[in-house]
Every structure is written in C-alpha cells, then in structure tokens.
C-alpha cells in the first residue's frame, strides 16, 4: 500500500463514511424526530428523540475517547523523544502542554530540539501555529 506523503496541508484525517455520511444521517434523524415531537407529540416520538440524542452522544464519544488515549500516548512518546534528542530540555518536559507535544510530533528529529525550545521560549500554544513552523515533516500514519 502506497501512502500519500503527509504535510501540514493534508495531515488531517477524515473517514468520509464516519465524518460525513454517518454524521449527516444522525443529524437528519435528529431533525426528523424533533419534527415528529413538534407535529404530533406521542410517547413514542419522545423515545425516538431520546434515541436520536443518544446516537449523537455515542457518535461524539466513539471518536473522542480513542483520540484522548492517542493524545496521552503521543505525550509519552514525545517526552521520551525529548529525553533522547534534547536531554537539556528533558528537565523542562513538564512545561509542555499536551497540545504542544501533539503538534511537535510532526517535527523531524533534526529540527525537534530547536522547535521545542522555540515553543517554550515564545509560549506557543496553538497546534496549528506550531505545526506550521515544521519544515521537515515527520508523518504520522498511525493516528486514530
């Protein structure tokens, strides 16, 4: 399987059936059930509305929980990488936020120490801003 080279412009991951088709289906189902509750409020229509809201919550959490775990793993990986590539900065690992580590993961080993210093010195916190500074992109093909 040939993977498309990853960079700042194309690194976001979307699964079309999940992010677009399923999301649209759930939204339409919610609109449909709200309409039924408004037009003819029966106990069954209220149950349908409750289920529509439950499905929306599930849709959100089924994505949010694995991404949260992935962020924790990234933070651990980048802490270990910091110890290996910039032992002097490793003492300051606790100063990095999860967002900073998550953005720094795309920096190549060569530019990682300098970029990590810049992030701390300039107090950069935006993932997008930090990722935009990466010159030699290190792809992450295993993200959730």
Protein backbone atom coordinates (compact mmCIF):
# COMPACT_ATOMS: atom_id res chain seq x y z
CA UNK A 1 0.00 0.00 0.00
CA UNK A 2 1.43 3.34 -1.06
CA UNK A 3 0.85 6.14 1.41
CA UNK A 4 0.46 9.72 0.23
CA UNK A 5 3.27 11.92 1.58
CA UNK A 6 1.97 13.81 4.58
CA UNK A 7 2.43 17.52 5.21
CA UNK A 8 0.80 20.43 7.03
CA UNK A 9 -1.79 20.91 4.29
CA UNK A 10 -3.03 17.30 4.19
CA UNK A 11 -2.29 15.73 7.59
CA UNK A 12 -5.84 15.95 9.00
CA UNK A 13 -7.56 12.61 8.82
CA UNK A 14 -11.15 12.23 7.76
CA UNK A 15 -13.02 8.99 7.32
CA UNK A 16 -15.75 10.02 4.87
CA UNK A 17 -18.29 7.37 5.89
CA UNK A 18 -17.91 8.35 9.54
CA UNK A 19 -17.31 12.10 9.42
CA UNK A 20 -19.71 12.96 6.62
CA UNK A 21 -22.20 10.18 5.87
CA UNK A 22 -22.89 8.93 9.42
CA UNK A 23 -22.83 12.46 10.84
CA UNK A 24 -25.35 13.61 8.22
CA UNK A 25 -27.57 10.58 8.85
CA UNK A 26 -27.62 11.21 12.59
CA UNK A 27 -28.33 14.90 12.12
CA UNK A 28 -31.20 14.15 9.72
CA UNK A 29 -32.58 11.58 12.17
CA UNK A 30 -32.47 14.20 14.94
CA UNK A 31 -34.27 16.76 12.76
CA UNK A 32 -36.86 14.12 11.78
CA UNK A 33 -37.56 13.17 15.39
CA UNK A 34 -37.76 16.81 16.55
CA UNK A 35 -40.27 17.44 13.76
CA UNK A 36 -42.39 14.48 14.92
CA UNK A 37 -42.34 15.69 18.53
CA UNK A 38 -43.48 19.15 17.42
CA UNK A 39 -46.16 17.96 14.98
CA UNK A 40 -47.63 15.07 16.96
CA UNK A 41 -46.18 14.62 20.42
CA UNK A 42 -46.65 10.99 21.40
CA UNK A 43 -44.66 8.97 23.93
CA UNK A 44 -43.05 7.06 21.05
CA UNK A 45 -41.89 10.28 19.40
CA UNK A 46 -40.26 11.33 22.68
CA UNK A 47 -38.50 7.95 22.90
CA UNK A 48 -37.33 8.42 19.30
CA UNK A 49 -35.98 11.87 20.18
CA UNK A 50 -34.19 10.45 23.20
CA UNK A 51 -32.62 7.76 20.98
CA UNK A 52 -31.58 10.34 18.38
CA UNK A 53 -29.81 12.33 21.10
CA UNK A 54 -28.22 9.14 22.45
CA UNK A 55 -26.88 8.31 18.98
CA UNK A 56 -25.41 11.81 18.65
CA UNK A 57 -23.68 11.41 22.02
CA UNK A 58 -22.35 7.99 21.02
CA UNK A 59 -21.09 9.41 17.72
CA UNK A 60 -19.17 12.05 19.65
CA UNK A 61 -17.70 9.77 22.31
CA UNK A 62 -16.83 6.92 19.96
CA UNK A 63 -14.38 9.36 18.35
CA UNK A 64 -13.39 11.39 21.41
CA UNK A 65 -12.31 8.53 23.68
CA UNK A 66 -9.74 6.93 21.34
CA UNK A 67 -8.35 10.32 20.35
CA UNK A 68 -7.88 11.16 24.04
CA UNK A 69 -5.94 7.92 24.59
CA UNK A 70 -3.92 8.61 21.45
CA UNK A 71 -3.04 12.07 22.78
CA UNK A 72 -1.74 10.52 26.00
CA UNK A 73 0.42 8.08 24.04
CA UNK A 74 1.75 10.91 21.87
CA UNK A 75 2.64 12.89 25.00
CA UNK A 76 4.58 9.89 26.33
CA UNK A 77 6.33 9.27 23.01
CA UNK A 78 7.34 12.90 22.67
CA UNK A 79 8.59 13.04 26.26
CA UNK A 80 10.84 10.05 25.52
CA UNK A 81 11.92 11.65 22.24
CA UNK A 82 12.76 14.86 24.09
CA UNK A 83 14.95 12.90 26.51
CA UNK A 84 16.77 11.25 23.60
CA UNK A 85 17.20 14.28 21.34
CA UNK A 86 17.49 17.16 23.83
CA UNK A 87 18.49 15.93 27.28
CA UNK A 88 18.92 19.54 28.44
CA UNK A 89 15.26 20.24 27.58
CA UNK A 90 14.04 16.98 29.11
CA UNK A 91 14.19 18.63 32.52
CA UNK A 92 11.52 21.04 31.27
CA UNK A 93 9.23 18.35 29.85
CA UNK A 94 6.59 19.22 32.42
CA UNK A 95 6.32 22.72 30.96
CA UNK A 96 4.98 21.41 27.65
CA UNK A 97 1.24 21.12 27.28
CA UNK A 98 -0.35 18.12 25.61
CA UNK A 99 -1.23 20.34 22.62
CA UNK A 100 2.37 21.43 22.23
CA UNK A 101 3.63 17.83 22.24
CA UNK A 102 0.88 16.76 19.86
CA UNK A 103 1.93 19.45 17.38
CA UNK A 104 5.67 18.84 17.85
CA UNK A 105 5.34 15.17 16.90
CA UNK A 106 5.43 16.18 13.24
CA UNK A 107 8.88 17.80 13.51
CA UNK A 108 11.79 15.73 12.23
CA UNK A 109 14.42 14.60 14.74
CA UNK A 110 16.82 17.21 13.36
CA UNK A 111 14.52 20.19 13.94
CA UNK A 112 12.70 18.89 17.03
CA UNK A 113 15.08 20.28 19.73
CA UNK A 114 15.22 23.80 18.25
CA UNK A 115 11.48 23.90 17.64
CA UNK A 116 10.77 22.61 21.15
CA UNK A 117 12.94 25.39 22.59
CA UNK A 118 11.12 27.96 20.46
CA UNK A 119 7.74 26.65 21.62
CA UNK A 120 8.73 27.06 25.26
CA UNK A 121 10.52 30.40 24.87
CA UNK A 122 7.77 32.02 22.81
CA UNK A 123 5.00 30.27 24.73
CA UNK A 124 3.39 28.97 21.53
CA UNK A 125 0.25 27.02 22.36
CA UNK A 126 -1.73 26.67 19.15
CA UNK A 127 -1.37 23.28 17.48
CA UNK A 128 -1.88 24.86 14.08
CA UNK A 129 0.72 27.57 14.72
CA UNK A 130 3.34 25.06 15.91
CA UNK A 131 2.68 22.62 13.05
CA UNK A 132 3.03 25.49 10.56
CA UNK A 133 6.61 26.04 11.82
CA UNK A 134 7.65 22.48 10.96
CA UNK A 135 9.93 22.49 7.92
CA UNK A 136 10.84 18.79 7.62
CA UNK A 137 7.53 16.98 8.20
CA UNK A 138 7.60 13.66 10.05
CA UNK A 139 4.39 11.87 9.05
CA UNK A 140 2.07 10.10 11.47
CA UNK A 141 0.23 7.39 9.56
CA UNK A 142 -0.94 5.54 12.68
CA UNK A 143 -3.24 8.14 14.22
CA UNK A 144 -6.82 7.37 15.08
